[in-house]
Structures are given as C-alpha cells and as structure tokens.
Amino acid sequence: MIVGGSGERRTLRIAAELADGCNVPSDLETLDRKVDVLRAHCRAVGRDPAEVAVTVLDLPVVGRDRDDTWARVERQRGRSPAAAFARRTNAGTPADQRDRYGVLADRGVDTVFVALRDLAGPEDVAALAPLLA
C-alpha cells in the first residue's frame, strides 16, 4: 500500500507504521523535508526507514527537443506565464527528465510515476524511452 498526502504529523506517521511506500511532492525543498520526517517517524515506531519506499507523481512537460518543449509549454500554460509554467512542470527533454530523476533518486526517491499532461498517442510514450537508458 502506498500512502500519499502532505500531513507530516499524521499522514507520514501512518505511512511509517503501515505503508509499503509513501508518495511525496517532487520539489526538492519539500521532498527533502518530507523524507526526513518520514524517516524520523519510521525510527520512532521501530521500523527501518528502508522498508518504506519513497515515490513521487510527476506531471512534466516533455518535448523531443528545446523547441518542441517550448511549443508544448505554450499550448498548455493557459494564463500562466510561460517561464513560470515551465518551472512548475519541470519542462524539458527526456534527457533533462532523466537527469532530474537521478537527482530525485540521490535524495531517496525509489519510484517516479510519470503522467503526461498532453498524452496524444503511443509516440508520446515512446518519446520517454531515453528516460530508461
């Protein structure tokens, strides 16, 4: 069972006691804090923190190259400024995402669930293949 939520006192404690995994936000500042709190709760309940996988749900904007990425940002941003939307959605190429996921792994993330905002067909999923390399 994976527990998700942002409550540090209750939700992360429940995850430490009962869950196989805990889904937390992927922004680095929040991630670091949540992982630290989760691990502290695990130790407090007598559980090895390594027994609770850390996961994130990521909804990036992924383009084939820089131009395609910015075209996707422009189509999806709505009223948000393009640069802010790009930052918030970690817009980039598959190589950019792979590098970012490496950083998340270095910070304790075991699994990244990826959902594409503009999934139109199999070619969009195939474009993520470099993430697995």
N, C-alpha and C. Protein backbone atom coordinates (compact mmCIF):
# COMPACT_ATOMS: atom_id res chain seq x y z
N MET A 1 0.84 -1.17 0.00
CA MET A 1 0.00 0.00 0.00
C MET A 1 0.89 1.24 0.00
N ILE A 2 0.55 2.20 -0.84
CA ILE A 2 1.25 3.48 -0.88
C ILE A 2 0.34 4.54 -0.29
N VAL A 3 0.87 5.28 0.65
CA VAL A 3 0.13 6.36 1.29
C VAL A 3 0.63 7.67 0.71
N GLY A 4 -0.30 8.54 0.35
CA GLY A 4 0.06 9.85 -0.16
C GLY A 4 -0.64 10.94 0.62
N GLY A 5 0.01 12.03 0.74
CA GLY A 5 -0.57 13.16 1.46
C GLY A 5 0.53 14.06 1.95
N SER A 6 0.15 15.21 2.46
CA SER A 6 1.18 16.16 2.85
C SER A 6 1.30 16.36 4.35
N GLY A 7 0.44 15.73 5.12
CA GLY A 7 0.48 15.91 6.57
C GLY A 7 1.68 15.24 7.20
N GLU A 8 2.52 16.03 7.82
CA GLU A 8 3.75 15.49 8.38
C GLU A 8 3.53 14.74 9.69
N ARG A 9 2.61 15.21 10.50
CA ARG A 9 2.40 14.55 11.79
C ARG A 9 1.54 13.31 11.66
N ARG A 10 0.49 13.38 10.88
CA ARG A 10 -0.43 12.26 10.81
C ARG A 10 -0.16 11.35 9.60
N THR A 11 -0.17 11.90 8.40
CA THR A 11 -0.06 11.08 7.20
C THR A 11 1.29 10.37 7.13
N LEU A 12 2.36 11.10 7.35
CA LEU A 12 3.68 10.46 7.27
C LEU A 12 3.89 9.47 8.41
N ARG A 13 3.28 9.71 9.55
CA ARG A 13 3.37 8.74 10.65
C ARG A 13 2.63 7.45 10.27
N ILE A 14 1.44 7.59 9.68
CA ILE A 14 0.68 6.42 9.24
C ILE A 14 1.49 5.65 8.20
N ALA A 15 2.10 6.36 7.27
CA ALA A 15 2.94 5.71 6.26
C ALA A 15 4.09 4.94 6.93
N ALA A 16 4.71 5.56 7.93
CA ALA A 16 5.82 4.91 8.63
C ALA A 16 5.37 3.64 9.33
N GLU A 17 4.17 3.65 9.86
CA GLU A 17 3.67 2.49 10.59
C GLU A 17 3.17 1.37 9.68
N LEU A 18 2.49 1.74 8.58
CA LEU A 18 1.72 0.74 7.84
C LEU A 18 2.06 0.55 6.37
N ALA A 19 2.66 1.53 5.73
CA ALA A 19 2.75 1.52 4.27
C ALA A 19 3.99 0.82 3.73
N ASP A 20 3.85 0.38 2.48
CA ASP A 20 5.00 -0.13 1.73
C ASP A 20 5.72 1.04 1.08
N GLY A 21 4.98 2.13 0.84
CA GLY A 21 5.55 3.31 0.21
C GLY A 21 4.80 4.55 0.60
N CYS A 22 5.44 5.69 0.36
CA CYS A 22 4.84 6.98 0.68
C CYS A 22 5.09 7.91 -0.49
N ASN A 23 4.01 8.48 -1.03
CA ASN A 23 4.12 9.40 -2.15
C ASN A 23 4.20 10.83 -1.63
N VAL A 24 5.27 11.54 -2.04
CA VAL A 24 5.51 12.90 -1.57
C VAL A 24 5.72 13.82 -2.76
N PRO A 25 5.63 15.14 -2.56
CA PRO A 25 5.88 16.09 -3.66
C PRO A 25 7.32 16.01 -4.15
N SER A 26 7.53 16.37 -5.41
CA SER A 26 8.86 16.21 -6.00
C SER A 26 9.72 17.47 -5.98
N ASP A 27 9.16 18.62 -5.55
CA ASP A 27 10.05 19.79 -5.48
C ASP A 27 11.07 19.52 -4.38
N LEU A 28 12.32 19.84 -4.64
CA LEU A 28 13.43 19.36 -3.81
C LEU A 28 13.35 19.80 -2.35
N GLU A 29 12.97 21.03 -2.11
CA GLU A 29 12.90 21.50 -0.72
C GLU A 29 11.85 20.71 0.07
N THR A 30 10.68 20.55 -0.52
CA THR A 30 9.61 19.80 0.16
C THR A 30 9.98 18.33 0.26
N LEU A 31 10.51 17.78 -0.80
CA LEU A 31 10.91 16.37 -0.81
C LEU A 31 11.88 16.08 0.33
N ASP A 32 12.93 16.88 0.44
CA ASP A 32 13.93 16.65 1.49
C ASP A 32 13.29 16.68 2.88
N ARG A 33 12.41 17.65 3.11
CA ARG A 33 11.77 17.74 4.42
C ARG A 33 10.88 16.54 4.69
N LYS A 34 10.06 16.16 3.70
CA LYS A 34 9.13 15.03 3.89
C LYS A 34 9.88 13.73 4.11
N VAL A 35 10.95 13.50 3.35
CA VAL A 35 11.73 12.27 3.52
C VAL A 35 12.36 12.23 4.91
N ASP A 36 12.90 13.35 5.36
CA ASP A 36 13.48 13.41 6.71
C ASP A 36 12.42 13.10 7.78
N VAL A 37 11.24 13.70 7.64
CA VAL A 37 10.17 13.47 8.62
C VAL A 37 9.70 12.01 8.56
N LEU A 38 9.52 11.47 7.36
CA LEU A 38 9.11 10.08 7.22
C LEU A 38 10.11 9.15 7.89
N ARG A 39 11.38 9.36 7.63
CA ARG A 39 12.42 8.51 8.23
C ARG A 39 12.44 8.63 9.76
N ALA A 40 12.22 9.83 10.26
CA ALA A 40 12.16 10.02 11.72
C ALA A 40 10.97 9.27 12.30
N HIS A 41 9.82 9.33 11.64
CA HIS A 41 8.65 8.57 12.10
C HIS A 41 8.94 7.07 12.08
N CYS A 42 9.61 6.60 11.04
CA CYS A 42 9.96 5.17 10.97
C CYS A 42 10.81 4.77 12.18
N ARG A 43 11.82 5.55 12.45
CA ARG A 43 12.69 5.24 13.61
C ARG A 43 11.89 5.28 14.91
N ALA A 44 10.97 6.24 15.02
CA ALA A 44 10.17 6.38 16.24
C ALA A 44 9.26 5.18 16.48
N VAL A 45 8.80 4.55 15.40
CA VAL A 45 7.92 3.38 15.57
C VAL A 45 8.70 2.07 15.47
N GLY A 46 10.03 2.17 15.42
CA GLY A 46 10.86 0.98 15.40
C GLY A 46 10.94 0.28 14.06
N ARG A 47 10.77 1.03 12.99
CA ARG A 47 10.80 0.45 11.65
C ARG A 47 12.00 0.98 10.88
N ASP A 48 12.64 0.11 10.13
CA ASP A 48 13.75 0.52 9.28
C ASP A 48 13.20 1.43 8.17
N PRO A 49 13.70 2.65 8.07
CA PRO A 49 13.20 3.56 7.03
C PRO A 49 13.32 2.99 5.62
N ALA A 50 14.25 2.09 5.39
CA ALA A 50 14.42 1.50 4.06
C ALA A 50 13.24 0.61 3.67
N GLU A 51 12.41 0.25 4.64
CA GLU A 51 11.24 -0.59 4.35
C GLU A 51 10.10 0.21 3.71
N VAL A 52 10.17 1.53 3.75
CA VAL A 52 9.11 2.37 3.19
C VAL A 52 9.67 3.08 1.95
N ALA A 53 9.22 2.65 0.79
CA ALA A 53 9.68 3.26 -0.46
C ALA A 53 9.15 4.70 -0.55
N VAL A 54 9.96 5.56 -1.10
CA VAL A 54 9.55 6.94 -1.35
C VAL A 54 9.23 7.06 -2.83
N THR A 55 8.03 7.56 -3.13
CA THR A 55 7.60 7.73 -4.51
C THR A 55 7.16 9.16 -4.75
N VAL A 56 7.17 9.56 -6.01
CA VAL A 56 6.61 10.86 -6.40
C VAL A 56 5.78 10.67 -7.66
N LEU A 57 4.77 11.51 -7.81
CA LEU A 57 3.99 11.59 -9.04
C LEU A 57 4.48 12.82 -9.77
N ASP A 58 4.93 12.63 -11.01
CA ASP A 58 5.47 13.73 -11.79
C ASP A 58 4.60 13.96 -13.01
N LEU A 59 4.27 15.21 -13.27
CA LEU A 59 3.47 15.59 -14.45
C LEU A 59 4.28 16.58 -15.29
N PRO A 60 5.38 16.12 -15.86
CA PRO A 60 6.24 17.05 -16.59
C PRO A 60 5.71 17.36 -17.99
N VAL A 61 6.21 18.45 -18.54
CA VAL A 61 6.04 18.74 -19.96
C VAL A 61 7.32 18.23 -20.62
N VAL A 62 7.17 17.27 -21.52
CA VAL A 62 8.33 16.65 -22.14
C VAL A 62 8.25 16.82 -23.65
N GLY A 63 9.26 17.47 -24.20
CA GLY A 63 9.34 17.65 -25.64
C GLY A 63 10.53 16.92 -26.22
N ARG A 64 10.51 16.69 -27.51
CA ARG A 64 11.61 15.99 -28.17
C ARG A 64 12.91 16.76 -28.10
N ASP A 65 12.81 18.07 -28.19
CA ASP A 65 13.97 18.97 -28.12
C ASP A 65 13.49 20.28 -27.49
N ARG A 66 14.39 21.25 -27.43
CA ARG A 66 14.04 22.51 -26.76
C ARG A 66 12.85 23.20 -27.42
N ASP A 67 12.85 23.27 -28.75
CA ASP A 67 11.77 23.94 -29.46
C ASP A 67 10.43 23.24 -29.24
N ASP A 68 10.44 21.92 -29.32
CA ASP A 68 9.21 21.16 -29.10
C ASP A 68 8.73 21.33 -27.66
N THR A 69 9.66 21.35 -26.72
CA THR A 69 9.29 21.55 -25.31
C THR A 69 8.59 22.89 -25.14
N TRP A 70 9.14 23.97 -25.70
CA TRP A 70 8.54 25.29 -25.54
C TRP A 70 7.21 25.40 -26.27
N ALA A 71 7.08 24.71 -27.39
CA ALA A 71 5.78 24.70 -28.09
C ALA A 71 4.72 24.04 -27.20
N ARG A 72 5.10 22.97 -26.52
CA ARG A 72 4.17 22.28 -25.62
C ARG A 72 3.83 23.17 -24.42
N VAL A 73 4.82 23.87 -23.89
CA VAL A 73 4.57 24.80 -22.78
C VAL A 73 3.56 25.85 -23.23
N GLU A 74 3.75 26.41 -24.40
CA GLU A 74 2.84 27.44 -24.90
C GLU A 74 1.41 26.91 -25.05
N ARG A 75 1.26 25.67 -25.53
CA ARG A 75 -0.07 25.09 -25.70
C ARG A 75 -0.77 24.80 -24.38
N GLN A 76 0.00 24.49 -23.35
CA GLN A 76 -0.58 24.00 -22.10
C GLN A 76 -0.67 25.03 -20.98
N ARG A 77 0.02 26.13 -21.10
CA ARG A 77 0.20 27.03 -19.96
C ARG A 77 -1.04 27.81 -19.57
N GLY A 78 -2.02 27.88 -20.42
CA GLY A 78 -3.21 28.66 -20.09
C GLY A 78 -2.85 30.10 -19.85
N ARG A 79 -3.26 30.65 -18.71
CA ARG A 79 -2.97 32.05 -18.39
C ARG A 79 -1.67 32.23 -17.62
N SER A 80 -1.03 31.13 -17.27
CA SER A 80 0.24 31.22 -16.53
C SER A 80 1.34 31.76 -17.44
N PRO A 81 2.25 32.56 -16.90
CA PRO A 81 3.41 32.96 -17.69
C PRO A 81 4.21 31.71 -18.11
N ALA A 82 4.71 31.73 -19.32
CA ALA A 82 5.39 30.54 -19.86
C ALA A 82 6.55 30.08 -18.98
N ALA A 83 7.38 31.00 -18.55
CA ALA A 83 8.54 30.61 -17.74
C ALA A 83 8.13 30.00 -16.41
N ALA A 84 7.12 30.56 -15.78
CA ALA A 84 6.64 30.01 -14.50
C ALA A 84 6.04 28.63 -14.71
N PHE A 85 5.25 28.46 -15.76
CA PHE A 85 4.65 27.17 -16.05
C PHE A 85 5.74 26.13 -16.34
N ALA A 86 6.75 26.52 -17.11
CA ALA A 86 7.85 25.62 -17.44
C ALA A 86 8.58 25.17 -16.17
N ARG A 87 8.82 26.10 -15.26
CA ARG A 87 9.48 25.75 -13.99
C ARG A 87 8.62 24.81 -13.17
N ARG A 88 7.35 25.15 -13.04
CA ARG A 88 6.43 24.37 -12.20
C ARG A 88 6.25 22.95 -12.73
N THR A 89 6.30 22.79 -14.04
CA THR A 89 6.07 21.47 -14.64
C THR A 89 7.37 20.78 -15.03
N ASN A 90 8.49 21.37 -14.64
CA ASN A 90 9.80 20.79 -14.98
C ASN A 90 9.89 20.48 -16.46
N ALA A 91 9.51 21.45 -17.29
CA ALA A 91 9.53 21.26 -18.74
C ALA A 91 10.95 20.99 -19.22
N GLY A 92 11.06 20.03 -20.13
CA GLY A 92 12.37 19.72 -20.68
C GLY A 92 12.30 18.51 -21.60
N THR A 93 13.45 18.12 -22.05
CA THR A 93 13.58 16.97 -22.93
C THR A 93 13.65 15.70 -22.08
N PRO A 94 13.55 14.53 -22.72
CA PRO A 94 13.72 13.29 -21.95
C PRO A 94 15.07 13.25 -21.21
N ALA A 95 16.12 13.77 -21.82
CA ALA A 95 17.42 13.79 -21.14
C ALA A 95 17.38 14.68 -19.90
N ASP A 96 16.68 15.82 -19.99
CA ASP A 96 16.52 16.69 -18.82
C ASP A 96 15.79 15.96 -17.70
N GLN A 97 14.74 15.23 -18.07
CA GLN A 97 13.96 14.50 -17.07
C GLN A 97 14.81 13.39 -16.44
N ARG A 98 15.57 12.68 -17.25
CA ARG A 98 16.44 11.61 -16.72
C ARG A 98 17.41 12.19 -15.69
N ASP A 99 18.00 13.33 -16.01
CA ASP A 99 18.93 13.96 -15.06
C ASP A 99 18.20 14.36 -13.78
N ARG A 100 17.01 14.91 -13.92
CA ARG A 100 16.23 15.32 -12.75
C ARG A 100 15.84 14.11 -11.91
N TYR A 101 15.47 13.02 -12.56
CA TYR A 101 15.10 11.82 -11.82
C TYR A 101 16.32 11.23 -11.10
N GLY A 102 17.50 11.41 -11.67
CA GLY A 102 18.72 10.99 -10.97
C GLY A 102 18.91 11.77 -9.69
N VAL A 103 18.63 13.07 -9.73
CA VAL A 103 18.70 13.90 -8.52
C VAL A 103 17.69 13.42 -7.49
N LEU A 104 16.47 13.12 -7.95
CA LEU A 104 15.44 12.62 -7.02
C LEU A 104 15.90 11.30 -6.39
N ALA A 105 16.48 10.42 -7.19
CA ALA A 105 16.97 9.14 -6.66
C ALA A 105 18.07 9.37 -5.61
N ASP A 106 18.95 10.32 -5.89
CA ASP A 106 20.01 10.63 -4.93
C ASP A 106 19.44 11.13 -3.60
N ARG A 107 18.24 11.68 -3.65
CA ARG A 107 17.60 12.22 -2.44
C ARG A 107 16.65 11.22 -1.79
N GLY A 108 16.63 9.99 -2.28
CA GLY A 108 15.86 8.94 -1.61
C GLY A 108 14.61 8.47 -2.33
N VAL A 109 14.33 8.99 -3.52
CA VAL A 109 13.14 8.55 -4.25
C VAL A 109 13.42 7.20 -4.92
N ASP A 110 12.52 6.25 -4.65
CA ASP A 110 12.66 4.92 -5.22
C ASP A 110 11.93 4.78 -6.56
N THR A 111 10.79 5.46 -6.69
CA THR A 111 9.95 5.31 -7.88
C THR A 111 9.36 6.66 -8.26
N VAL A 112 9.38 6.96 -9.56
CA VAL A 112 8.72 8.15 -10.09
C VAL A 112 7.59 7.66 -10.99
N PHE A 113 6.37 8.04 -10.66
CA PHE A 113 5.22 7.78 -11.51
C PHE A 113 5.08 8.97 -12.45
N VAL A 114 5.13 8.73 -13.75
CA VAL A 114 5.08 9.81 -14.73
C VAL A 114 3.72 9.81 -15.41
N ALA A 115 3.08 10.97 -15.44
CA ALA A 115 1.83 11.16 -16.16
C ALA A 115 2.04 12.34 -17.11
N LEU A 116 1.77 12.12 -18.38
CA LEU A 116 1.96 13.18 -19.36
C LEU A 116 0.68 13.99 -19.50
N ARG A 117 0.81 15.29 -19.40
CA ARG A 117 -0.33 16.19 -19.48
C ARG A 117 -0.98 16.19 -20.86
N ASP A 118 -0.18 15.98 -21.89
CA ASP A 118 -0.70 16.09 -23.25
C ASP A 118 -0.55 14.78 -24.02
N LEU A 119 -0.73 13.68 -23.36
CA LEU A 119 -0.61 12.37 -23.99
C LEU A 119 -1.62 12.25 -25.12
N ALA A 120 -1.10 12.10 -26.34
CA ALA A 120 -1.97 12.03 -27.51
C ALA A 120 -1.93 10.65 -28.15
N GLY A 121 -0.87 9.90 -27.93
CA GLY A 121 -0.78 8.59 -28.56
C GLY A 121 0.49 7.87 -28.17
N PRO A 122 0.69 6.69 -28.74
CA PRO A 122 1.85 5.85 -28.38
C PRO A 122 3.19 6.55 -28.62
N GLU A 123 3.25 7.45 -29.60
CA GLU A 123 4.52 8.13 -29.88
C GLU A 123 4.96 9.00 -28.71
N ASP A 124 4.01 9.52 -27.94
CA ASP A 124 4.36 10.32 -26.77
C ASP A 124 4.98 9.45 -25.68
N VAL A 125 4.49 8.24 -25.53
CA VAL A 125 5.08 7.33 -24.57
C VAL A 125 6.44 6.86 -25.06
N ALA A 126 6.55 6.55 -26.34
CA ALA A 126 7.83 6.12 -26.91
C ALA A 126 8.89 7.19 -26.77
N ALA A 127 8.49 8.45 -26.79
CA ALA A 127 9.45 9.55 -26.65
C ALA A 127 10.13 9.54 -25.28
N LEU A 128 9.55 8.85 -24.31
CA LEU A 128 10.14 8.77 -22.98
C LEU A 128 11.20 7.69 -22.87
N ALA A 129 11.42 6.91 -23.91
CA ALA A 129 12.39 5.83 -23.88
C ALA A 129 13.77 6.26 -23.36
N PRO A 130 14.26 7.45 -23.72
CA PRO A 130 15.57 7.86 -23.19
C PRO A 130 15.62 7.94 -21.66
N LEU A 131 14.47 8.05 -21.02
CA LEU A 131 14.45 8.06 -19.55
C LEU A 131 14.92 6.73 -18.98
N LEU A 132 14.76 5.69 -19.75
CA LEU A 132 15.13 4.35 -19.28
C LEU A 132 16.56 3.99 -19.59
N ALA A 133 17.23 4.80 -20.40
CA ALA A 133 18.60 4.49 -20.81
C ALA A 133 19.58 4.76 -19.68
